Amino acid sequence: MTAISAREFNQNPSAAMRAADTDGPVVITHRGRAAYVLVPYESFAVHGRSLARQLAADDDIDFAPERTAPVEREVEL
């Protein structure tokens, strides 16, 4: 995985696209922190949408958490 700054990306986006094609995802940083990821569309189509599909699925999920009793305590003023 390659990491480049936003400034480097703006100056040479073609180099970032080549790196994504050959080395895999390119992390674009902004002020030293990861901000974006550049991946080829084929990789995104295969892997990136799977989470969205899972979240959009209309599966019935049984979710019934146990109710907890409130904890009483004295308030200090």
N, C-alpha and C. Protein backbone atom coordinates (compact mmCIF):
# COMPACT_ATOMS: atom_id res chain seq x y z
N MET A 1 0.86 -1.16 0.00
CA MET A 1 0.00 0.00 0.00
C MET A 1 0.90 1.23 0.00
N THR A 2 0.54 2.20 -0.82
CA THR A 2 1.30 3.43 -0.97
C THR A 2 0.57 4.56 -0.27
N ALA A 3 1.33 5.50 0.28
CA ALA A 3 0.73 6.68 0.89
C ALA A 3 1.36 7.92 0.27
N ILE A 4 0.52 8.88 -0.10
CA ILE A 4 1.00 10.15 -0.63
C ILE A 4 0.21 11.28 0.01
N SER A 5 0.79 12.47 -0.01
CA SER A 5 0.09 13.62 0.56
C SER A 5 -0.91 14.16 -0.47
N ALA A 6 -1.86 14.93 0.02
CA ALA A 6 -2.85 15.53 -0.88
C ALA A 6 -2.16 16.46 -1.86
N ARG A 7 -1.13 17.13 -1.41
CA ARG A 7 -0.38 18.03 -2.30
C ARG A 7 0.27 17.25 -3.43
N GLU A 8 0.92 16.12 -3.10
CA GLU A 8 1.53 15.28 -4.14
C GLU A 8 0.47 14.77 -5.10
N PHE A 9 -0.69 14.37 -4.58
CA PHE A 9 -1.76 13.89 -5.43
C PHE A 9 -2.22 14.98 -6.39
N ASN A 10 -2.40 16.20 -5.89
CA ASN A 10 -2.84 17.31 -6.75
C ASN A 10 -1.82 17.65 -7.81
N GLN A 11 -0.55 17.51 -7.50
CA GLN A 11 0.51 17.83 -8.46
C GLN A 11 0.66 16.76 -9.53
N ASN A 12 0.39 15.49 -9.19
CA ASN A 12 0.59 14.41 -10.15
C ASN A 12 -0.41 13.28 -9.92
N PRO A 13 -1.67 13.49 -10.29
CA PRO A 13 -2.67 12.44 -10.09
C PRO A 13 -2.39 11.18 -10.91
N SER A 14 -1.74 11.32 -12.06
CA SER A 14 -1.43 10.16 -12.89
C SER A 14 -0.51 9.19 -12.17
N ALA A 15 0.45 9.72 -11.42
CA ALA A 15 1.36 8.85 -10.67
C ALA A 15 0.60 8.08 -9.60
N ALA A 16 -0.36 8.72 -8.97
CA ALA A 16 -1.18 8.05 -7.96
C ALA A 16 -2.01 6.94 -8.60
N MET A 17 -2.57 7.21 -9.78
CA MET A 17 -3.37 6.19 -10.48
C MET A 17 -2.49 5.01 -10.88
N ARG A 18 -1.27 5.28 -11.36
CA ARG A 18 -0.37 4.18 -11.71
C ARG A 18 -0.01 3.35 -10.47
N ALA A 19 0.23 4.03 -9.36
CA ALA A 19 0.56 3.32 -8.12
C ALA A 19 -0.62 2.45 -7.67
N ALA A 20 -1.84 2.96 -7.81
CA ALA A 20 -3.02 2.17 -7.43
C ALA A 20 -3.16 0.95 -8.33
N ASP A 21 -2.83 1.10 -9.60
CA ASP A 21 -2.91 -0.04 -10.53
C ASP A 21 -1.86 -1.10 -10.23
N THR A 22 -0.66 -0.68 -9.83
CA THR A 22 0.43 -1.65 -9.65
C THR A 22 0.62 -2.09 -8.21
N ASP A 23 0.47 -1.18 -7.24
CA ASP A 23 0.79 -1.49 -5.85
C ASP A 23 -0.43 -1.70 -4.96
N GLY A 24 -1.61 -1.50 -5.48
CA GLY A 24 -2.81 -1.63 -4.66
C GLY A 24 -3.28 -0.27 -4.17
N PRO A 25 -4.10 -0.24 -3.14
CA PRO A 25 -4.69 1.01 -2.67
C PRO A 25 -3.65 2.07 -2.34
N VAL A 26 -3.98 3.32 -2.68
CA VAL A 26 -3.12 4.46 -2.38
C VAL A 26 -3.85 5.30 -1.33
N VAL A 27 -3.21 5.50 -0.19
CA VAL A 27 -3.78 6.31 0.87
C VAL A 27 -3.32 7.74 0.64
N ILE A 28 -4.29 8.65 0.57
CA ILE A 28 -3.99 10.07 0.38
C ILE A 28 -4.15 10.74 1.74
N THR A 29 -3.08 11.38 2.19
CA THR A 29 -3.09 12.00 3.50
C THR A 29 -3.34 13.49 3.40
N HIS A 30 -3.96 14.03 4.42
CA HIS A 30 -4.20 15.48 4.52
C HIS A 30 -3.73 15.91 5.90
N ARG A 31 -2.73 16.76 5.93
CA ARG A 31 -2.12 17.20 7.19
C ARG A 31 -1.62 16.04 8.03
N GLY A 32 -1.05 15.06 7.34
CA GLY A 32 -0.43 13.94 8.02
C GLY A 32 -1.36 12.82 8.44
N ARG A 33 -2.65 12.97 8.18
CA ARG A 33 -3.61 11.93 8.57
C ARG A 33 -4.26 11.33 7.33
N ALA A 34 -4.51 10.03 7.37
CA ALA A 34 -5.17 9.36 6.24
C ALA A 34 -6.54 9.99 6.02
N ALA A 35 -6.81 10.39 4.76
CA ALA A 35 -8.07 11.06 4.46
C ALA A 35 -8.87 10.36 3.36
N TYR A 36 -8.19 9.81 2.37
CA TYR A 36 -8.87 9.17 1.24
C TYR A 36 -8.09 7.94 0.82
N VAL A 37 -8.76 7.05 0.09
CA VAL A 37 -8.11 5.88 -0.48
C VAL A 37 -8.47 5.82 -1.95
N LEU A 38 -7.46 5.67 -2.79
CA LEU A 38 -7.65 5.56 -4.24
C LEU A 38 -7.43 4.10 -4.63
N VAL A 39 -8.45 3.49 -5.22
CA VAL A 39 -8.36 2.11 -5.69
C VAL A 39 -8.89 2.02 -7.10
N PRO A 40 -8.42 1.07 -7.89
CA PRO A 40 -9.00 0.87 -9.22
C PRO A 40 -10.48 0.48 -9.09
N TYR A 41 -11.28 0.85 -10.07
CA TYR A 41 -12.71 0.58 -9.99
C TYR A 41 -13.01 -0.91 -9.88
N GLU A 42 -12.23 -1.74 -10.55
CA GLU A 42 -12.47 -3.18 -10.50
C GLU A 42 -12.39 -3.70 -9.06
N SER A 43 -11.40 -3.22 -8.31
CA SER A 43 -11.27 -3.63 -6.90
C SER A 43 -12.45 -3.13 -6.08
N PHE A 44 -12.85 -1.90 -6.33
CA PHE A 44 -13.98 -1.33 -5.61
C PHE A 44 -15.26 -2.10 -5.91
N ALA A 45 -15.46 -2.43 -7.18
CA ALA A 45 -16.68 -3.13 -7.58
C ALA A 45 -16.78 -4.50 -6.91
N VAL A 46 -15.64 -5.15 -6.74
CA VAL A 46 -15.64 -6.48 -6.13
C VAL A 46 -15.74 -6.41 -4.62
N HIS A 47 -14.96 -5.53 -4.00
CA HIS A 47 -14.86 -5.51 -2.54
C HIS A 47 -15.60 -4.35 -1.88
N GLY A 48 -15.59 -3.20 -2.49
CA GLY A 48 -16.10 -1.99 -1.84
C GLY A 48 -17.59 -1.97 -1.63
N ARG A 49 -18.34 -2.56 -2.50
CA ARG A 49 -19.79 -2.50 -2.38
C ARG A 49 -20.37 -3.61 -1.53
N SER A 50 -19.57 -4.58 -1.16
CA SER A 50 -20.12 -5.71 -0.41
C SER A 50 -20.68 -5.26 0.94
N LEU A 51 -20.02 -4.32 1.60
CA LEU A 51 -20.53 -3.83 2.88
C LEU A 51 -21.85 -3.10 2.68
N ALA A 52 -21.95 -2.27 1.66
CA ALA A 52 -23.20 -1.56 1.39
C ALA A 52 -24.32 -2.54 1.09
N ARG A 53 -24.02 -3.59 0.37
CA ARG A 53 -25.05 -4.59 0.07
C ARG A 53 -25.51 -5.30 1.34
N GLN A 54 -24.57 -5.61 2.21
CA GLN A 54 -24.94 -6.28 3.45
C GLN A 54 -25.80 -5.38 4.32
N LEU A 55 -25.46 -4.10 4.38
CA LEU A 55 -26.23 -3.17 5.20
C LEU A 55 -27.63 -2.95 4.62
N ALA A 56 -27.75 -2.99 3.31
CA ALA A 56 -29.04 -2.75 2.67
C ALA A 56 -29.92 -4.00 2.62
N ALA A 57 -29.35 -5.15 2.95
CA ALA A 57 -30.12 -6.40 2.89
C ALA A 57 -31.30 -6.33 3.85
N ASP A 58 -32.40 -6.90 3.42
CA ASP A 58 -33.63 -6.86 4.23
C ASP A 58 -33.77 -8.16 5.01
N ASP A 59 -32.75 -8.50 5.76
CA ASP A 59 -32.78 -9.73 6.57
C ASP A 59 -33.39 -9.42 7.93
N ASP A 60 -34.20 -10.35 8.40
CA ASP A 60 -34.76 -10.21 9.75
C ASP A 60 -33.71 -10.67 10.75
N ILE A 61 -33.36 -9.78 11.65
CA ILE A 61 -32.37 -10.09 12.67
C ILE A 61 -33.07 -10.01 14.02
N ASP A 62 -33.00 -11.09 14.78
CA ASP A 62 -33.59 -11.08 16.12
C ASP A 62 -32.63 -10.37 17.06
N PHE A 63 -33.06 -9.25 17.58
CA PHE A 63 -32.25 -8.47 18.51
C PHE A 63 -33.11 -8.08 19.69
N ALA A 64 -32.85 -8.71 20.82
CA ALA A 64 -33.60 -8.42 22.03
C ALA A 64 -32.64 -8.39 23.21
N PRO A 65 -31.97 -7.27 23.41
CA PRO A 65 -31.02 -7.21 24.52
C PRO A 65 -31.74 -7.25 25.86
N GLU A 66 -31.07 -7.78 26.88
CA GLU A 66 -31.64 -7.84 28.21
C GLU A 66 -31.71 -6.44 28.80
N ARG A 67 -32.78 -6.17 29.45
CA ARG A 67 -32.95 -4.87 30.10
C ARG A 67 -32.17 -4.86 31.40
N THR A 68 -31.43 -3.82 31.65
CA THR A 68 -30.66 -3.73 32.88
C THR A 68 -31.38 -2.85 33.89
N ALA A 69 -31.15 -3.14 35.13
CA ALA A 69 -31.77 -2.36 36.21
C ALA A 69 -30.96 -1.08 36.41
N PRO A 70 -31.64 0.03 36.70
CA PRO A 70 -30.90 1.27 36.93
C PRO A 70 -30.10 1.18 38.23
N VAL A 71 -28.98 1.83 38.24
CA VAL A 71 -28.12 1.85 39.42
C VAL A 71 -28.40 3.13 40.18
N GLU A 72 -28.81 2.99 41.42
CA GLU A 72 -29.12 4.17 42.24
C GLU A 72 -27.88 4.54 43.04
N ARG A 73 -27.61 5.82 43.07
CA ARG A 73 -26.48 6.29 43.88
C ARG A 73 -26.78 7.68 44.40
N GLU A 74 -26.10 8.05 45.45
CA GLU A 74 -26.32 9.34 46.07
C GLU A 74 -25.60 10.42 45.28
N VAL A 75 -26.24 11.56 45.16
CA VAL A 75 -25.66 12.68 44.44
C VAL A 75 -24.97 13.60 45.43
N GLU A 76 -23.72 13.93 45.14
CA GLU A 76 -22.98 14.85 45.99
C GLU A 76 -23.10 16.25 45.42
N LEU A 77 -23.49 17.19 46.26
CA LEU A 77 -23.60 18.58 45.83
C LEU A 77 -22.51 19.43 46.40
